[in-house]
Amino acid sequence: MHIKGLLLFAAATLLTHSCDGKPPVPSETALSVAPSVVNAVWNEEPVVLSVTASGDWGVFSADKDWCTVSPSGGIAGSSSVKLTLQPNRTGQERETTITFSYGSKTLEVPVHQGLNEEDLPKPPPQGMVVPEGYHLVWNDEFDEGVTLNPADWTHEVKNAGWVNNELQNYVNHQTSSGSVVTEIKDGALQIHCFKEGGKVYSGRVYAHVKEGWKYGYIEGRIKLPKGKGTWPAFWMMPVNYTGWPDSGEIDIMEEVGYHPNYVSSSLHANAHVHTNNTQVTKEMYCAGAEGEFHVYAIEWTHEKITTFVDGKVLLTYANRGLGHDDWPYDAPFYVILNLAWGGSWGGSQGVDETALPVTMSVDYVRVFQKDE
């Protein structure tokens, strides 16, 4: 054999055999993730995981409804994954696992999310009546401070005409001159509507607008104002709003000043909406609704929605199993309190500006959910 041939033969032998005569084992893809364990608080900002890999890799979350990852994979080198956790308002700590795959193996990163201590069942204030089978999860008795707690409440800020052709301007707590549209006074939330500098101002506030609650027994003790043009409301809108009426609307209590003391409840969805007179609505005469406190409430489950006035049933609507268009109410909704002036309903018979200023008083708002 020529020398060149011998050299080629020797090289081939080295490539196919190890020193002990066995074929070499191909190196496996290596991957590491830091941190290797995630411990997050209930409202954690996105967590960034550092990934180092010698080959292509993928990642997925077992609980996509509250824990998501992005991107879903990568190539060799160093990169990162963003772990996004939805706020934990379940009242319980929760856990899941983020699984990285590389080659034929997997690497698991445990994820633990704490709870918001305020979501734990609370002992009810003295004298509070708790509905049977429920426990208190949140309340505001409006008996501390002089302004709303920003951790609980958010003011809407919109100019007149923003919705329903209403005439009021919603501002964040106060006007530029310092006149307040909301204040805590005399043990109640006072929502004021008044005219100043040729404009009408009022308040509209949202409770836990980013989280809301899914199902429950929710009640408020409210005194309505008097005057043609007033349109006070205690109602709910979906946290994950995509459009109206597709996302749904729950009106626990509304009243208009030109029809005094007649309070109503309504439900709006694609299949029942006031724009074509198919809305689900009921009205009740409540003596003294204007000028006296009354309790307005809703019991809301997957099966049925029922509203009450002083414990008397106002509206009942059952889930008929017809899908989202008829029942978009299996989602978190947040509580709204507002005092509108005029608009498509409140001003449909004109307004009487001599009635201004007016005030809607809210003694408390309480949210109960079913016992496990």
Protein backbone atom coordinates (compact mmCIF):
# COMPACT_ATOMS: atom_id res chain seq x y z
CA MET A 1 0.00 0.00 0.00
CA HIS A 2 1.30 3.43 -0.86
CA ILE A 3 2.17 5.84 1.98
CA LYS A 4 -0.72 8.15 0.99
CA GLY A 5 -3.15 5.29 1.27
CA LEU A 6 -1.81 4.33 4.69
CA LEU A 7 -2.31 7.84 5.98
CA LEU A 8 -5.90 7.95 4.75
CA PHE A 9 -6.63 4.58 6.35
CA ALA A 10 -5.16 5.72 9.69
CA ALA A 11 -7.22 8.93 9.67
CA ALA A 12 -10.43 7.03 9.00
CA THR A 13 -9.63 4.65 11.84
CA LEU A 14 -9.14 7.53 14.31
CA LEU A 15 -12.45 9.10 13.32
CA THR A 16 -14.47 5.93 13.84
CA HIS A 17 -12.85 4.44 16.93
CA SER A 18 -11.95 5.68 20.39
CA CYS A 19 -8.75 4.77 22.16
CA ASP A 20 -10.41 1.70 23.68
CA GLY A 21 -11.69 0.56 20.32
CA LYS A 22 -15.34 1.70 20.88
CA PRO A 23 -17.15 4.29 18.71
CA PRO A 24 -17.20 7.81 20.29
CA VAL A 25 -20.46 9.01 21.95
CA PRO A 26 -21.85 12.16 20.29
CA SER A 27 -21.95 15.11 22.71
CA GLU A 28 -25.50 15.87 24.00
CA THR A 29 -27.04 19.30 23.75
CA ALA A 30 -26.36 21.29 26.93
CA LEU A 31 -28.82 23.84 28.33
CA SER A 32 -29.03 25.86 31.54
CA VAL A 33 -31.66 28.27 32.87
CA ALA A 34 -31.31 30.91 35.59
CA PRO A 35 -32.98 31.29 37.94
CA SER A 36 -33.75 27.59 38.26
CA VAL A 37 -36.73 28.32 40.55
CA VAL A 38 -39.18 31.26 40.37
CA ASN A 39 -40.84 32.58 43.53
CA ALA A 40 -43.17 35.43 42.60
CA VAL A 41 -45.48 37.74 44.52
CA TRP A 42 -49.17 37.96 43.66
CA ASN A 43 -48.76 40.89 41.25
CA GLU A 44 -45.25 40.16 39.98
CA GLU A 45 -43.86 42.10 37.04
CA PRO A 46 -42.68 39.87 34.15
CA VAL A 47 -39.75 37.62 35.18
CA VAL A 48 -36.84 37.23 32.77
CA LEU A 49 -35.11 33.85 32.64
CA SER A 50 -31.60 33.62 31.16
CA VAL A 51 -31.11 30.67 28.84
CA THR A 52 -27.77 29.26 27.64
CA ALA A 53 -27.90 26.45 25.10
CA SER A 54 -25.60 24.57 22.74
CA GLY A 55 -28.45 23.73 20.40
CA ASP A 56 -32.07 24.42 19.53
CA TRP A 57 -34.47 24.42 22.48
CA GLY A 58 -38.16 24.94 23.25
CA VAL A 59 -40.22 25.97 26.28
CA PHE A 60 -43.87 25.79 27.33
CA SER A 61 -46.06 26.50 30.37
CA ALA A 62 -48.54 23.98 31.74
CA ASP A 63 -50.99 26.74 32.86
CA LYS A 64 -51.46 29.12 29.97
CA ASP A 65 -54.39 30.93 31.55
CA TRP A 66 -52.29 32.61 34.24
CA CYS A 67 -48.68 31.82 33.30
CA THR A 68 -47.27 32.38 29.82
CA VAL A 69 -43.77 32.36 28.31
CA SER A 70 -42.29 34.15 25.33
CA PRO A 71 -40.60 33.26 23.02
CA SER A 72 -41.45 29.57 22.74
CA GLY A 73 -37.91 28.52 21.89
CA GLY A 74 -34.52 29.51 20.56
CA ILE A 75 -31.25 28.44 19.03
CA ALA A 76 -27.73 27.83 20.30
CA GLY A 77 -26.20 30.63 22.35
CA SER A 78 -27.42 32.90 25.10
CA SER A 79 -30.93 34.34 25.11
CA SER A 80 -33.83 35.08 27.47
CA VAL A 81 -37.43 34.08 28.09
CA LYS A 82 -40.07 36.42 29.54
CA LEU A 83 -42.38 34.78 32.07
CA THR A 84 -45.68 36.68 32.50
CA LEU A 85 -47.91 35.92 35.50
CA GLN A 86 -51.47 37.18 35.81
CA PRO A 87 -52.25 38.83 39.18
CA ASN A 88 -53.26 36.15 41.66
CA ARG A 89 -56.66 37.14 43.08
CA THR A 90 -57.72 33.54 43.82
CA GLY A 91 -57.04 33.76 47.56
CA GLN A 92 -54.69 30.78 47.28
CA GLU A 93 -51.03 30.33 46.44
CA ARG A 94 -50.50 28.59 43.13
CA GLU A 95 -47.77 26.62 41.39
CA THR A 96 -46.87 25.45 37.92
CA THR A 97 -43.84 24.28 35.98
CA ILE A 98 -42.07 25.81 32.99
CA THR A 99 -40.61 23.01 30.90
CA PHE A 100 -37.60 23.47 28.62
CA SER A 101 -36.89 20.76 26.05
CA TYR A 102 -33.57 20.10 24.36
CA GLY A 103 -32.65 17.03 22.45
CA SER A 104 -34.41 14.08 24.03
CA LYS A 105 -34.37 15.52 27.53
CA THR A 106 -36.30 18.16 29.49
CA LEU A 107 -35.43 20.73 32.15
CA GLU A 108 -38.16 21.88 34.54
CA VAL A 109 -38.28 25.24 36.32
CA PRO A 110 -40.79 25.32 39.21
CA VAL A 111 -42.89 28.51 39.49
CA HIS A 112 -44.59 29.54 42.72
CA GLN A 113 -46.87 32.58 42.97
CA GLY A 114 -47.98 33.99 46.30
CA LEU A 115 -51.37 35.45 47.08
CA ASN A 116 -52.63 38.89 47.91
CA GLU A 117 -53.23 38.80 51.65
CA GLU A 118 -56.18 41.14 51.18
CA ASP A 119 -57.94 38.40 49.21
CA LEU A 120 -58.04 36.08 52.19
CA PRO A 121 -61.45 35.73 53.84
CA LYS A 122 -61.95 38.70 56.13
CA PRO A 123 -63.82 38.83 59.38
CA PRO A 124 -66.88 40.92 58.60
CA PRO A 125 -67.25 44.29 60.30
CA GLN A 126 -69.45 44.29 63.35
CA GLY A 127 -73.09 44.16 62.37
CA MET A 128 -72.44 43.07 58.76
CA VAL A 129 -74.82 40.40 57.49
CA VAL A 130 -72.96 37.76 55.44
CA PRO A 131 -75.09 35.85 52.92
CA GLU A 132 -75.33 32.16 53.74
CA GLY A 133 -72.66 30.13 51.98
CA TYR A 134 -70.50 33.18 51.23
CA HIS A 135 -67.52 34.94 52.78
CA LEU A 136 -66.32 38.53 52.49
CA VAL A 137 -63.47 39.05 50.01
CA TRP A 138 -63.41 42.85 49.70
CA ASN A 139 -65.27 45.85 51.03
CA ASP A 140 -65.05 49.58 51.45
CA GLU A 141 -67.07 51.07 54.28
CA PHE A 142 -65.91 54.61 53.44
CA ASP A 143 -65.21 55.39 57.08
CA GLU A 144 -61.52 56.30 56.89
CA GLY A 145 -59.70 59.25 55.35
CA VAL A 146 -61.16 61.93 53.11
CA THR A 147 -60.33 60.54 49.66
CA LEU A 148 -60.69 57.17 47.98
CA ASN A 149 -57.86 54.69 48.42
CA PRO A 150 -56.00 54.57 45.05
CA ALA A 151 -55.12 50.92 45.70
CA ASP A 152 -58.84 50.13 45.47
CA TRP A 153 -60.36 52.81 43.26
CA THR A 154 -59.61 54.45 39.91
CA HIS A 155 -61.23 57.66 38.66
CA GLU A 156 -62.37 57.91 35.05
CA VAL A 157 -61.24 61.04 33.20
CA LYS A 158 -63.33 61.90 30.14
CA ASN A 159 -64.89 65.01 28.61
CA ALA A 160 -68.59 65.62 28.06
CA GLY A 161 -70.07 63.60 25.21
CA TRP A 162 -67.69 60.67 25.72
CA VAL A 163 -70.52 58.15 26.12
CA ASN A 164 -74.33 58.17 25.78
CA ASN A 165 -74.24 61.90 24.89
CA GLU A 166 -73.84 62.67 28.59
CA LEU A 167 -73.16 66.28 29.58
CA GLN A 168 -70.81 65.86 32.51
CA ASN A 169 -67.01 65.97 32.48
CA TYR A 170 -65.39 63.21 34.55
CA VAL A 171 -62.23 64.29 36.37
CA ASN A 172 -59.70 62.65 38.65
CA HIS A 173 -61.02 63.58 42.09
CA GLN A 174 -61.14 67.34 41.55
CA THR A 175 -61.40 70.12 38.99
CA SER A 176 -58.55 72.50 38.16
CA SER A 177 -59.98 74.96 40.70
CA GLY A 178 -59.88 72.32 43.46
CA SER A 179 -63.59 71.49 43.65
CA VAL A 180 -63.94 67.78 44.41
CA VAL A 181 -66.17 65.34 42.57
CA THR A 182 -65.54 62.55 45.11
CA GLU A 183 -64.84 62.66 48.82
CA ILE A 184 -65.23 60.56 51.96
CA LYS A 185 -67.51 62.44 54.31
CA ASP A 186 -70.05 61.52 56.98
CA GLY A 187 -69.10 57.84 56.72
CA ALA A 188 -69.94 57.59 53.02
CA LEU A 189 -68.50 58.13 49.56
CA GLN A 190 -69.99 61.33 48.19
CA ILE A 191 -70.07 61.63 44.39
CA HIS A 192 -70.85 65.24 43.52
CA CYS A 193 -72.19 66.65 40.27
CA PHE A 194 -72.05 70.43 39.83
CA LYS A 195 -71.61 73.22 37.33
CA GLU A 196 -68.45 75.30 37.35
CA GLY A 197 -67.08 77.69 34.73
CA GLY A 198 -69.85 76.81 32.30
CA LYS A 199 -69.16 73.06 32.49
CA VAL A 200 -70.77 70.24 34.45
CA TYR A 201 -68.41 67.99 36.44
CA SER A 202 -69.00 64.69 38.16
CA GLY A 203 -67.32 61.48 39.32
CA ARG A 204 -67.07 57.94 37.97
CA VAL A 205 -64.94 55.44 39.88
CA TYR A 206 -63.90 51.81 39.34
CA ALA A 207 -63.13 49.24 42.06
CA HIS A 208 -60.16 46.95 41.29
CA VAL A 209 -60.42 47.75 37.60
CA LYS A 210 -57.49 45.49 36.61
CA GLU A 211 -58.62 42.38 38.47
CA GLY A 212 -62.33 42.59 39.25
CA TRP A 213 -64.19 39.53 40.53
CA LYS A 214 -65.71 36.51 38.82
CA TYR A 215 -69.08 35.61 40.38
CA GLY A 216 -70.21 36.53 43.86
CA TYR A 217 -72.76 38.41 45.92
CA ILE A 218 -72.11 42.15 45.61
CA GLU A 219 -74.06 44.87 47.37
CA GLY A 220 -74.00 48.60 47.92
CA ARG A 221 -76.03 50.83 50.23
CA ILE A 222 -76.77 53.96 48.25
CA LYS A 223 -78.75 57.19 48.49
CA LEU A 224 -79.74 58.64 45.13
CA PRO A 225 -79.92 62.33 44.24
CA LYS A 226 -82.98 64.25 43.09
CA GLY A 227 -83.32 66.32 39.96
CA LYS A 228 -84.32 66.08 36.31
CA GLY A 229 -81.10 65.18 34.49
CA THR A 230 -79.53 62.93 37.13
CA TRP A 231 -78.51 59.40 36.11
CA PRO A 232 -76.81 57.56 39.01
CA ALA A 233 -75.63 53.97 38.55
CA PHE A 234 -74.09 51.01 40.38
CA TRP A 235 -72.90 48.58 37.71
CA MET A 236 -70.12 46.35 36.33
CA MET A 237 -67.97 46.01 33.22
CA PRO A 238 -65.55 43.23 32.15
CA VAL A 239 -61.87 43.48 33.03
CA ASN A 240 -60.83 42.10 29.64
CA TYR A 241 -62.96 44.42 27.54
CA THR A 242 -62.79 43.92 23.77
CA GLY A 243 -65.94 45.68 22.63
CA TRP A 244 -69.52 46.53 23.52
CA PRO A 245 -71.88 44.75 23.85
CA ASP A 246 -69.85 41.66 22.96
CA SER A 247 -67.94 41.71 26.28
CA GLY A 248 -71.12 42.19 28.31
CA GLU A 249 -72.41 44.72 30.84
CA ILE A 250 -74.14 44.17 34.18
CA ASP A 251 -76.25 47.02 35.56
CA ILE A 252 -77.09 46.31 39.19
CA MET A 253 -78.99 49.58 39.72
CA GLU A 254 -79.76 52.64 37.60
CA GLU A 255 -82.25 55.47 38.02
CA VAL A 256 -83.04 58.66 36.15
CA GLY A 257 -84.26 61.83 37.82
CA TYR A 258 -87.23 62.45 35.53
CA HIS A 259 -88.64 59.06 36.64
CA PRO A 260 -87.96 59.36 40.38
CA ASN A 261 -87.64 56.36 42.67
CA TYR A 262 -87.98 53.80 39.86
CA VAL A 263 -84.78 51.74 39.96
CA SER A 264 -83.85 49.21 37.32
CA SER A 265 -81.41 46.38 36.58
CA SER A 266 -80.26 45.43 33.07
CA LEU A 267 -77.98 43.00 31.27
CA HIS A 268 -76.39 43.77 27.90
CA ALA A 269 -74.80 41.31 25.45
CA ASN A 270 -74.79 40.65 21.72
CA ALA A 271 -78.06 38.75 22.02
CA HIS A 272 -79.78 41.34 24.24
CA VAL A 273 -78.93 45.01 23.95
CA HIS A 274 -80.89 48.25 24.34
CA THR A 275 -79.90 49.57 20.90
CA ASN A 276 -82.44 47.20 19.33
CA ASN A 277 -84.75 46.95 22.37
CA THR A 278 -83.75 43.39 23.23
CA GLN A 279 -81.99 44.16 26.50
CA VAL A 280 -82.79 42.14 29.60
CA THR A 281 -84.17 44.69 32.06
CA LYS A 282 -86.59 45.05 34.98
CA GLU A 283 -87.83 48.10 36.87
CA MET A 284 -89.14 48.46 40.42
CA TYR A 285 -90.61 51.35 42.37
CA CYS A 286 -88.52 51.97 45.51
CA ALA A 287 -90.13 54.53 47.79
CA GLY A 288 -87.52 56.99 49.02
CA ALA A 289 -84.74 55.85 46.66
CA GLU A 290 -84.07 59.53 46.14
CA GLY A 291 -82.95 60.97 49.45
CA GLU A 292 -82.77 57.75 51.51
CA PHE A 293 -80.33 54.84 51.70
CA HIS A 294 -81.36 51.50 50.18
CA VAL A 295 -79.41 48.29 49.56
CA TYR A 296 -78.89 47.22 45.95
CA ALA A 297 -77.32 43.82 45.31
CA ILE A 298 -76.56 41.09 42.80
CA GLU A 299 -76.03 37.36 43.19
CA TRP A 300 -74.01 36.18 40.19
CA THR A 301 -73.07 32.59 39.40
CA HIS A 302 -72.34 30.59 36.26
CA GLU A 303 -75.96 29.46 36.25
CA LYS A 304 -77.91 32.64 37.01
CA ILE A 305 -77.84 36.38 37.73
CA THR A 306 -80.33 37.84 40.23
CA THR A 307 -80.52 41.44 41.43
CA PHE A 308 -82.19 42.72 44.59
CA VAL A 309 -83.53 45.92 46.14
CA ASP A 310 -83.61 45.75 49.93
CA GLY A 311 -83.65 41.95 49.65
CA LYS A 312 -86.53 41.83 47.15
CA VAL A 313 -85.83 40.23 43.77
CA LEU A 314 -85.72 42.73 40.94
CA LEU A 315 -84.29 40.83 37.93
CA THR A 316 -83.50 37.16 37.32
CA TYR A 317 -81.77 35.80 34.22
CA ALA A 318 -80.59 32.22 33.76
CA ASN A 319 -77.70 30.97 31.66
CA ARG A 320 -79.57 29.17 28.87
CA GLY A 321 -76.45 27.53 27.48
CA LEU A 322 -76.63 29.52 24.23
CA GLY A 323 -73.00 30.56 24.27
CA HIS A 324 -71.08 33.82 24.59
CA ASP A 325 -73.53 36.01 22.67
CA ASP A 326 -76.21 35.34 25.26
CA TRP A 327 -73.98 34.82 28.32
CA PRO A 328 -70.66 36.73 28.31
CA TYR A 329 -70.76 36.78 32.12
CA ASP A 330 -68.28 33.98 32.90
CA ALA A 331 -65.39 36.42 33.28
CA PRO A 332 -64.06 38.90 35.85
CA PHE A 333 -66.04 42.16 36.06
CA TYR A 334 -65.23 45.27 38.12
CA VAL A 335 -67.60 47.51 40.08
CA ILE A 336 -68.49 51.01 38.86
CA LEU A 337 -70.15 53.88 40.72
CA ASN A 338 -71.01 57.04 38.83
CA LEU A 339 -73.35 59.99 38.65
CA ALA A 340 -74.06 61.05 35.08
CA TRP A 341 -75.86 64.21 34.00
CA GLY A 342 -78.18 64.23 31.00
CA GLY A 343 -77.41 61.86 28.16
CA SER A 344 -79.48 59.52 26.00
CA TRP A 345 -81.51 58.27 28.98
CA GLY A 346 -80.92 60.70 31.84
CA GLY A 347 -81.59 63.68 29.59
CA SER A 348 -84.20 62.17 27.28
CA GLN A 349 -86.81 64.51 28.79
CA GLY A 350 -84.45 67.43 29.23
CA VAL A 351 -82.40 68.56 32.23
CA ASP A 352 -83.03 71.06 34.98
CA GLU A 353 -79.77 72.80 35.81
CA THR A 354 -81.40 74.52 38.78
CA ALA A 355 -81.21 71.08 40.47
CA LEU A 356 -77.40 71.29 40.53
CA PRO A 357 -75.39 70.63 42.60
CA VAL A 358 -76.48 67.07 43.44
CA THR A 359 -74.82 64.20 45.31
CA MET A 360 -74.96 60.41 45.20
CA SER A 361 -74.01 58.93 48.60
CA VAL A 362 -72.60 55.40 49.00
CA ASP A 363 -72.51 54.02 52.53
CA TYR A 364 -70.55 50.90 51.55
CA VAL A 365 -69.69 48.43 48.79
CA ARG A 366 -69.15 44.76 49.72
CA VAL A 367 -68.07 41.77 47.66
CA PHE A 368 -68.71 38.23 48.88
CA GLN A 369 -67.79 34.97 47.18
CA LYS A 370 -68.93 31.42 47.78
CA ASP A 371 -67.28 29.24 50.39
CA GLU A 372 -65.19 26.43 48.98
